[in-house]
C-alpha cells in the first residue's frame, strides 16, 4: 500500500488560516455514566465525598455529582478529535466558569466559537481564542470557558 501526502487525512484538524472570528461549531453529545465518574475519580484521585458517596449528607443536590474537570475533559476530547487533531500545538490559557452541576445521567454538549485569531511572528502558527459554552440535555448552561491555543498553519 502506497501512502501519499496528497490524500487528505481523515480527522485532520483545522489550520489557523481556515478560521475566522465568529465561526461556530456544535460538538457531539455524550451521556455521562456512573462508570465514567468512577474511572475518572479513581484515575485522578478526586476522592471527595460528594463524588464517592451516593448518599453523602452534605451534598447540596440530588444525584451523583460529576467533577467539573470531567465535564471539561469530555468536551476537550470532542474538540481534539475534530477541530485541533494534528494542528493543535499548545494550550496557552484557560479561563473556566462552572455554572451548574452536572450529574451522572446528564448528557453534555458544547458550542465552540472562535473569538480571536492572531498570527504569530515566529513560524507558520497563530494564537486562536475560543469561547466554549457547555450545556446539558435540557439546554441549561453548565460550564463556560475560554481557551487560548497555539495552532499550526498549513504545511
N, C-alpha and C. Protein backbone atom coordinates (compact mmCIF):
# COMPACT_ATOMS: atom_id res chain seq x y z
N UNK A 1 0.85 -1.18 0.00
CA UNK A 1 0.00 0.00 0.00
C UNK A 1 0.89 1.24 0.00
N UNK A 2 0.63 2.13 -0.90
CA UNK A 2 1.42 3.34 -1.03
C UNK A 2 0.67 4.51 -0.38
N UNK A 3 1.20 5.05 0.71
CA UNK A 3 0.57 6.18 1.39
C UNK A 3 1.24 7.46 0.89
N UNK A 4 0.42 8.37 0.38
CA UNK A 4 0.97 9.62 -0.13
C UNK A 4 0.41 10.79 0.64
N UNK A 5 1.15 11.88 0.68
CA UNK A 5 0.73 13.08 1.41
C UNK A 5 -0.31 13.90 0.67
N UNK A 6 -0.59 13.56 -0.60
CA UNK A 6 -1.58 14.34 -1.35
C UNK A 6 -3.02 13.88 -1.10
N UNK A 7 -3.18 12.83 -0.33
CA UNK A 7 -4.52 12.36 0.04
C UNK A 7 -4.86 12.95 1.39
N UNK A 8 -6.02 13.66 1.51
CA UNK A 8 -6.37 14.27 2.80
C UNK A 8 -6.47 13.22 3.91
N UNK A 9 -6.06 13.62 5.11
CA UNK A 9 -6.10 12.75 6.27
C UNK A 9 -7.45 12.86 6.95
N UNK A 10 -8.08 11.74 7.24
CA UNK A 10 -9.36 11.74 7.96
C UNK A 10 -9.15 12.27 9.36
N UNK A 11 -10.05 13.13 9.83
CA UNK A 11 -9.97 13.65 11.18
C UNK A 11 -8.98 14.76 11.39
N UNK A 12 -8.36 15.24 10.30
CA UNK A 12 -7.38 16.32 10.42
C UNK A 12 -8.04 17.58 10.96
N UNK A 13 -7.41 18.22 11.92
CA UNK A 13 -7.92 19.45 12.50
C UNK A 13 -7.87 20.61 11.52
N UNK A 14 -8.37 21.73 11.97
CA UNK A 14 -8.45 22.94 11.16
C UNK A 14 -7.14 23.73 11.30
N UNK A 15 -6.60 24.16 10.17
CA UNK A 15 -5.44 25.05 10.21
C UNK A 15 -5.93 26.46 10.54
N UNK A 16 -5.06 27.25 11.17
CA UNK A 16 -5.49 28.57 11.62
C UNK A 16 -5.94 29.45 10.46
N UNK A 17 -5.40 29.25 9.27
CA UNK A 17 -5.78 30.08 8.12
C UNK A 17 -7.24 29.85 7.71
N UNK A 18 -7.81 28.74 8.14
CA UNK A 18 -9.19 28.40 7.78
C UNK A 18 -10.20 28.88 8.84
N UNK A 19 -9.71 29.59 9.85
CA UNK A 19 -10.56 30.07 10.92
C UNK A 19 -10.81 31.56 10.79
N UNK A 20 -11.99 31.96 11.21
CA UNK A 20 -12.29 33.40 11.29
C UNK A 20 -13.15 33.65 12.51
N UNK A 21 -13.02 34.84 13.05
CA UNK A 21 -13.79 35.22 14.23
C UNK A 21 -15.28 35.09 13.91
N UNK A 22 -16.00 34.47 14.84
CA UNK A 22 -17.43 34.28 14.67
C UNK A 22 -17.82 32.89 14.20
N UNK A 23 -16.86 32.11 13.70
CA UNK A 23 -17.19 30.74 13.30
C UNK A 23 -17.64 29.95 14.51
N UNK A 24 -18.64 29.09 14.32
CA UNK A 24 -19.18 28.29 15.42
C UNK A 24 -19.37 26.85 14.98
N UNK A 25 -19.17 25.95 15.93
CA UNK A 25 -19.41 24.53 15.74
C UNK A 25 -20.14 23.98 16.95
N UNK A 26 -20.92 22.93 16.73
CA UNK A 26 -21.52 22.16 17.82
C UNK A 26 -20.74 20.85 17.97
N UNK A 27 -20.50 20.44 19.19
CA UNK A 27 -19.86 19.14 19.41
C UNK A 27 -20.94 18.06 19.39
N UNK A 28 -20.50 16.84 19.39
CA UNK A 28 -21.42 15.73 19.62
C UNK A 28 -21.88 15.79 21.06
N UNK A 29 -22.86 14.97 21.39
CA UNK A 29 -23.37 14.89 22.77
C UNK A 29 -22.80 13.64 23.42
N UNK A 30 -22.72 13.67 24.75
CA UNK A 30 -22.24 12.50 25.49
C UNK A 30 -22.95 12.41 26.81
N UNK A 31 -23.51 11.24 27.07
CA UNK A 31 -24.14 10.99 28.36
C UNK A 31 -23.07 10.48 29.32
N UNK A 32 -23.00 11.11 30.48
CA UNK A 32 -22.00 10.74 31.48
C UNK A 32 -22.57 9.62 32.35
N UNK A 33 -21.82 8.53 32.44
CA UNK A 33 -22.27 7.35 33.16
C UNK A 33 -21.59 7.22 34.53
N UNK A 34 -22.12 6.34 35.33
CA UNK A 34 -21.51 6.02 36.62
C UNK A 34 -20.09 5.49 36.41
N UNK A 35 -19.89 4.69 35.39
CA UNK A 35 -18.55 4.16 35.08
C UNK A 35 -17.58 5.29 34.75
N UNK A 36 -18.05 6.28 33.97
CA UNK A 36 -17.20 7.44 33.67
C UNK A 36 -16.75 8.12 34.96
N UNK A 37 -17.70 8.35 35.87
CA UNK A 37 -17.39 9.01 37.14
C UNK A 37 -16.38 8.21 37.94
N UNK A 38 -16.65 6.92 38.13
CA UNK A 38 -15.77 6.06 38.93
C UNK A 38 -14.37 5.99 38.32
N UNK A 39 -14.28 5.79 37.02
CA UNK A 39 -12.96 5.73 36.38
C UNK A 39 -12.20 7.04 36.53
N UNK A 40 -12.89 8.16 36.36
CA UNK A 40 -12.24 9.46 36.45
C UNK A 40 -11.73 9.75 37.86
N UNK A 41 -12.58 9.56 38.87
CA UNK A 41 -12.13 9.87 40.24
C UNK A 41 -11.04 8.91 40.70
N UNK A 42 -11.07 7.67 40.24
CA UNK A 42 -10.00 6.74 40.61
C UNK A 42 -8.70 7.08 39.91
N UNK A 43 -8.77 7.55 38.67
CA UNK A 43 -7.57 7.91 37.93
C UNK A 43 -6.94 9.19 38.47
N UNK A 44 -7.77 10.16 38.82
CA UNK A 44 -7.26 11.46 39.24
C UNK A 44 -7.03 11.58 40.74
N UNK A 45 -7.63 10.70 41.51
CA UNK A 45 -7.54 10.81 42.96
C UNK A 45 -8.53 11.80 43.55
N UNK A 46 -9.51 12.24 42.77
CA UNK A 46 -10.53 13.17 43.27
C UNK A 46 -11.57 12.39 44.08
N UNK A 47 -11.14 11.91 45.21
CA UNK A 47 -11.99 11.06 46.05
C UNK A 47 -12.76 11.87 47.08
N UNK A 48 -13.33 12.96 46.64
CA UNK A 48 -14.14 13.81 47.51
C UNK A 48 -15.47 13.11 47.82
N UNK A 49 -15.99 13.33 49.02
CA UNK A 49 -17.20 12.64 49.47
C UNK A 49 -18.37 12.78 48.49
N UNK A 50 -18.57 13.96 47.93
CA UNK A 50 -19.73 14.13 47.03
C UNK A 50 -19.58 13.30 45.75
N UNK A 51 -18.38 12.85 45.42
CA UNK A 51 -18.18 12.04 44.23
C UNK A 51 -18.19 10.54 44.53
N UNK A 52 -17.91 10.15 45.77
CA UNK A 52 -17.78 8.72 46.07
C UNK A 52 -18.90 8.17 46.94
N UNK A 53 -19.69 9.03 47.56
CA UNK A 53 -20.76 8.58 48.46
C UNK A 53 -22.11 9.03 47.91
N UNK A 54 -22.86 8.09 47.36
CA UNK A 54 -24.15 8.41 46.72
C UNK A 54 -25.16 9.01 47.69
N UNK A 55 -24.96 8.80 48.99
CA UNK A 55 -25.91 9.32 49.98
C UNK A 55 -25.24 10.29 50.95
N UNK A 56 -24.22 10.98 50.49
CA UNK A 56 -23.48 11.91 51.34
C UNK A 56 -24.42 12.98 51.88
N UNK A 57 -24.42 13.14 53.21
CA UNK A 57 -25.35 14.06 53.87
C UNK A 57 -25.10 15.52 53.54
N UNK A 58 -23.86 15.89 53.24
CA UNK A 58 -23.54 17.28 52.98
C UNK A 58 -23.78 17.71 51.54
N UNK A 59 -24.26 16.81 50.69
CA UNK A 59 -24.46 17.14 49.27
C UNK A 59 -25.56 18.19 49.12
N UNK A 60 -25.32 19.16 48.27
CA UNK A 60 -26.27 20.25 48.05
C UNK A 60 -27.25 19.94 46.92
N UNK A 61 -27.18 18.72 46.37
CA UNK A 61 -28.04 18.38 45.24
C UNK A 61 -28.43 16.91 45.30
N UNK A 62 -29.45 16.57 44.58
CA UNK A 62 -29.85 15.17 44.45
C UNK A 62 -29.12 14.57 43.26
N UNK A 63 -28.63 13.36 43.42
CA UNK A 63 -27.95 12.69 42.32
C UNK A 63 -26.45 12.66 42.53
N UNK A 64 -25.77 11.97 41.62
CA UNK A 64 -24.33 11.78 41.69
C UNK A 64 -23.62 12.90 40.96
N UNK A 65 -23.00 13.78 41.72
CA UNK A 65 -22.29 14.92 41.14
C UNK A 65 -21.06 14.45 40.37
N UNK A 66 -20.76 15.16 39.29
CA UNK A 66 -19.60 14.88 38.44
C UNK A 66 -18.62 16.04 38.59
N UNK A 67 -17.32 15.77 38.77
CA UNK A 67 -16.36 16.87 38.85
C UNK A 67 -16.39 17.72 37.58
N UNK A 68 -16.24 19.03 37.75
CA UNK A 68 -16.19 19.92 36.59
C UNK A 68 -15.06 19.53 35.65
N UNK A 69 -13.98 18.99 36.21
CA UNK A 69 -12.84 18.57 35.39
C UNK A 69 -13.24 17.45 34.43
N UNK A 70 -14.15 16.58 34.83
CA UNK A 70 -14.61 15.51 33.95
C UNK A 70 -15.44 16.08 32.80
N UNK A 71 -16.33 17.01 33.12
CA UNK A 71 -17.12 17.66 32.08
C UNK A 71 -16.20 18.34 31.07
N UNK A 72 -15.24 19.09 31.57
CA UNK A 72 -14.28 19.79 30.71
C UNK A 72 -13.51 18.82 29.82
N UNK A 73 -13.03 17.71 30.38
CA UNK A 73 -12.20 16.80 29.58
C UNK A 73 -13.01 16.11 28.49
N UNK A 74 -14.27 15.81 28.74
CA UNK A 74 -15.08 15.22 27.67
C UNK A 74 -15.26 16.20 26.51
N UNK A 75 -15.52 17.47 26.82
CA UNK A 75 -15.68 18.48 25.77
C UNK A 75 -14.36 18.68 25.03
N UNK A 76 -13.25 18.76 25.77
CA UNK A 76 -11.95 18.90 25.12
C UNK A 76 -11.65 17.69 24.23
N UNK A 77 -12.10 16.52 24.62
CA UNK A 77 -11.95 15.34 23.77
C UNK A 77 -12.65 15.50 22.44
N UNK A 78 -13.88 16.02 22.48
CA UNK A 78 -14.60 16.30 21.23
C UNK A 78 -13.83 17.29 20.36
N UNK A 79 -13.32 18.35 21.00
CA UNK A 79 -12.60 19.39 20.26
C UNK A 79 -11.30 18.81 19.67
N UNK A 80 -10.60 18.01 20.46
CA UNK A 80 -9.36 17.40 19.97
C UNK A 80 -9.63 16.50 18.78
N UNK A 81 -10.66 15.68 18.85
CA UNK A 81 -10.94 14.72 17.80
C UNK A 81 -11.43 15.36 16.50
N UNK A 82 -11.75 16.64 16.56
CA UNK A 82 -12.32 17.27 15.37
C UNK A 82 -11.54 18.52 14.97
N UNK A 83 -11.57 19.54 15.78
CA UNK A 83 -11.04 20.85 15.41
C UNK A 83 -9.52 20.96 15.46
N UNK A 84 -8.86 20.30 16.43
CA UNK A 84 -7.43 20.54 16.62
C UNK A 84 -6.54 19.31 16.46
N UNK A 85 -7.09 18.20 15.98
CA UNK A 85 -6.28 16.98 15.80
C UNK A 85 -5.20 17.24 14.75
N UNK A 86 -3.96 17.16 15.16
CA UNK A 86 -2.85 17.36 14.24
C UNK A 86 -2.48 18.81 13.99
N UNK A 87 -3.30 19.75 14.46
CA UNK A 87 -3.00 21.17 14.26
C UNK A 87 -2.81 21.91 15.58
N UNK A 88 -3.32 21.37 16.66
CA UNK A 88 -3.15 21.99 17.97
C UNK A 88 -1.73 21.79 18.45
N UNK A 89 -1.07 22.88 18.79
CA UNK A 89 0.32 22.81 19.25
C UNK A 89 0.45 22.97 20.76
N UNK A 90 -0.41 23.81 21.36
CA UNK A 90 -0.32 24.03 22.81
C UNK A 90 -1.58 24.71 23.32
N UNK A 91 -1.96 24.38 24.55
CA UNK A 91 -2.97 25.14 25.28
C UNK A 91 -2.20 26.21 26.04
N UNK A 92 -2.48 27.48 25.77
CA UNK A 92 -1.73 28.57 26.37
C UNK A 92 -2.42 29.15 27.60
N UNK A 93 -3.74 29.25 27.56
CA UNK A 93 -4.51 29.79 28.68
C UNK A 93 -5.87 29.12 28.73
N UNK A 94 -6.43 29.10 29.94
CA UNK A 94 -7.77 28.54 30.12
C UNK A 94 -8.45 29.30 31.26
N UNK A 95 -9.63 29.86 30.98
CA UNK A 95 -10.42 30.55 31.99
C UNK A 95 -11.78 29.87 32.01
N UNK A 96 -12.13 29.30 33.17
CA UNK A 96 -13.29 28.43 33.24
C UNK A 96 -14.26 28.87 34.33
N UNK A 97 -15.57 28.78 34.02
CA UNK A 97 -16.62 29.04 35.00
C UNK A 97 -17.56 27.84 35.03
N UNK A 98 -17.81 27.33 36.22
CA UNK A 98 -18.81 26.28 36.40
C UNK A 98 -20.12 26.99 36.72
N UNK A 99 -21.14 26.77 35.92
CA UNK A 99 -22.40 27.49 36.05
C UNK A 99 -23.49 26.69 36.76
N UNK A 100 -23.42 25.36 36.65
CA UNK A 100 -24.43 24.49 37.27
C UNK A 100 -23.84 23.09 37.39
N UNK A 101 -24.37 22.29 38.31
CA UNK A 101 -23.83 20.94 38.47
C UNK A 101 -24.17 20.04 37.28
N UNK A 102 -23.28 19.10 37.04
CA UNK A 102 -23.53 18.01 36.08
C UNK A 102 -23.60 16.75 36.91
N UNK A 103 -24.61 15.94 36.62
CA UNK A 103 -24.84 14.71 37.37
C UNK A 103 -24.69 13.50 36.45
N UNK A 104 -24.40 12.34 37.06
CA UNK A 104 -24.41 11.09 36.31
C UNK A 104 -25.77 10.98 35.63
N UNK A 105 -25.77 10.64 34.36
CA UNK A 105 -27.00 10.55 33.58
C UNK A 105 -27.27 11.77 32.73
N UNK A 106 -26.59 12.89 33.02
CA UNK A 106 -26.73 14.08 32.18
C UNK A 106 -26.01 13.87 30.85
N UNK A 107 -26.53 14.51 29.83
CA UNK A 107 -25.92 14.48 28.50
C UNK A 107 -25.41 15.88 28.20
N UNK A 108 -24.11 15.97 27.94
CA UNK A 108 -23.49 17.28 27.72
C UNK A 108 -23.07 17.44 26.26
N UNK A 109 -23.04 18.68 25.83
CA UNK A 109 -22.51 19.05 24.52
C UNK A 109 -22.08 20.51 24.61
N UNK A 110 -21.44 21.01 23.56
CA UNK A 110 -20.94 22.38 23.62
C UNK A 110 -21.05 23.05 22.25
N UNK A 111 -21.03 24.38 22.32
CA UNK A 111 -20.87 25.21 21.14
C UNK A 111 -19.51 25.89 21.29
N UNK A 112 -18.70 25.78 20.24
CA UNK A 112 -17.37 26.38 20.21
C UNK A 112 -17.41 27.55 19.24
N UNK A 113 -17.01 28.73 19.71
CA UNK A 113 -16.99 29.92 18.86
C UNK A 113 -15.59 30.52 18.85
N UNK A 114 -15.06 30.74 17.66
CA UNK A 114 -13.76 31.38 17.52
C UNK A 114 -13.94 32.86 17.82
N UNK A 115 -13.18 33.37 18.79
CA UNK A 115 -13.30 34.78 19.18
C UNK A 115 -12.05 35.59 18.85
N UNK A 116 -10.99 34.91 18.43
CA UNK A 116 -9.78 35.62 18.06
C UNK A 116 -8.82 34.74 17.30
N UNK A 117 -8.16 35.29 16.29
CA UNK A 117 -7.11 34.61 15.53
C UNK A 117 -6.00 35.62 15.31
N UNK A 118 -4.83 35.33 15.90
CA UNK A 118 -3.70 36.26 15.81
C UNK A 118 -2.46 35.51 15.36
N UNK A 119 -2.05 35.68 14.09
CA UNK A 119 -0.82 35.03 13.63
C UNK A 119 0.37 35.47 14.47
N UNK A 120 1.30 34.55 14.69
CA UNK A 120 2.50 34.88 15.46
C UNK A 120 3.59 35.37 14.50
N UNK A 121 4.59 36.01 15.04
CA UNK A 121 5.70 36.49 14.22
C UNK A 121 6.70 35.37 13.93
N UNK A 122 6.60 34.28 14.66
CA UNK A 122 7.55 33.18 14.51
C UNK A 122 6.85 31.95 13.91
N UNK A 123 7.22 31.59 12.73
CA UNK A 123 6.72 30.38 12.12
C UNK A 123 5.30 30.48 11.59
N UNK A 124 4.83 29.39 11.12
CA UNK A 124 3.52 29.29 10.48
C UNK A 124 2.48 28.85 11.52
N UNK A 125 2.19 29.74 12.46
CA UNK A 125 1.23 29.40 13.52
C UNK A 125 0.50 30.65 13.97
N UNK A 126 -0.56 30.43 14.77
CA UNK A 126 -1.36 31.55 15.27
C UNK A 126 -1.90 31.21 16.65
N UNK A 127 -2.18 32.25 17.40
CA UNK A 127 -2.86 32.12 18.69
C UNK A 127 -4.36 32.25 18.40
N UNK A 128 -5.10 31.21 18.75
CA UNK A 128 -6.54 31.17 18.47
C UNK A 128 -7.28 31.12 19.80
N UNK A 129 -8.22 32.03 19.98
CA UNK A 129 -9.04 32.07 21.19
C UNK A 129 -10.44 31.61 20.85
N UNK A 130 -11.00 30.78 21.73
CA UNK A 130 -12.34 30.26 21.53
C UNK A 130 -13.14 30.36 22.82
N UNK A 131 -14.43 30.61 22.66
CA UNK A 131 -15.38 30.54 23.77
C UNK A 131 -16.13 29.23 23.63
N UNK A 132 -16.12 28.42 24.69
CA UNK A 132 -16.77 27.13 24.67
C UNK A 132 -17.90 27.17 25.70
N UNK A 133 -19.13 26.99 25.24
CA UNK A 133 -20.31 27.01 26.10
C UNK A 133 -20.89 25.60 26.16
N UNK A 134 -20.89 25.04 27.36
CA UNK A 134 -21.32 23.66 27.58
C UNK A 134 -22.72 23.67 28.18
N UNK A 135 -23.59 22.81 27.68
CA UNK A 135 -24.94 22.71 28.23
C UNK A 135 -25.32 21.25 28.41
N UNK A 136 -26.40 21.05 29.17
CA UNK A 136 -26.89 19.69 29.40
C UNK A 136 -28.05 19.38 28.43
N UNK A 137 -28.68 18.25 28.64
CA UNK A 137 -29.74 17.78 27.75
C UNK A 137 -30.97 18.69 27.77
N UNK A 138 -31.09 19.54 28.76
CA UNK A 138 -32.22 20.49 28.83
C UNK A 138 -31.82 21.86 28.30
N UNK A 139 -30.68 21.94 27.64
CA UNK A 139 -30.12 23.18 27.10
C UNK A 139 -29.80 24.20 28.19
N UNK A 140 -29.58 23.72 29.41
CA UNK A 140 -29.17 24.59 30.51
C UNK A 140 -27.65 24.73 30.50
N UNK A 141 -27.13 25.96 30.58
CA UNK A 141 -25.68 26.11 30.62
C UNK A 141 -25.10 25.54 31.91
N UNK A 142 -24.04 24.74 31.78
CA UNK A 142 -23.40 24.14 32.96
C UNK A 142 -21.95 24.58 33.12
N UNK A 143 -21.33 25.04 32.02
CA UNK A 143 -19.93 25.45 32.07
C UNK A 143 -19.67 26.37 30.89
N UNK A 144 -18.75 27.30 31.12
CA UNK A 144 -18.31 28.17 30.05
C UNK A 144 -16.82 28.37 30.24
N UNK A 145 -16.07 28.26 29.16
CA UNK A 145 -14.65 28.54 29.29
C UNK A 145 -14.08 29.13 28.02
N UNK A 146 -13.02 29.90 28.23
CA UNK A 146 -12.27 30.47 27.13
C UNK A 146 -10.94 29.74 27.05
N UNK A 147 -10.63 29.26 25.85
CA UNK A 147 -9.37 28.55 25.62
C UNK A 147 -8.53 29.36 24.64
N UNK A 148 -7.26 29.53 24.97
CA UNK A 148 -6.32 30.20 24.09
C UNK A 148 -5.30 29.12 23.70
N UNK A 149 -5.25 28.83 22.40
CA UNK A 149 -4.41 27.74 21.91
C UNK A 149 -3.45 28.25 20.83
N UNK A 150 -2.36 27.54 20.69
CA UNK A 150 -1.45 27.77 19.57
C UNK A 150 -1.76 26.72 18.52
N UNK A 151 -2.13 27.18 17.31
CA UNK A 151 -2.48 26.27 16.23
C UNK A 151 -1.50 26.39 15.07
N UNK A 152 -1.28 25.27 14.42
CA UNK A 152 -0.39 25.22 13.26
C UNK A 152 -1.10 25.76 12.03
N UNK A 153 -0.28 26.20 11.09
CA UNK A 153 -0.78 26.61 9.79
C UNK A 153 -0.60 25.50 8.77
N UNK A 154 -1.08 25.74 7.57
CA UNK A 154 -0.90 24.75 6.51
C UNK A 154 0.58 24.51 6.25
N UNK A 155 0.92 23.26 6.00
CA UNK A 155 2.34 22.94 5.72
C UNK A 155 2.82 23.60 4.44
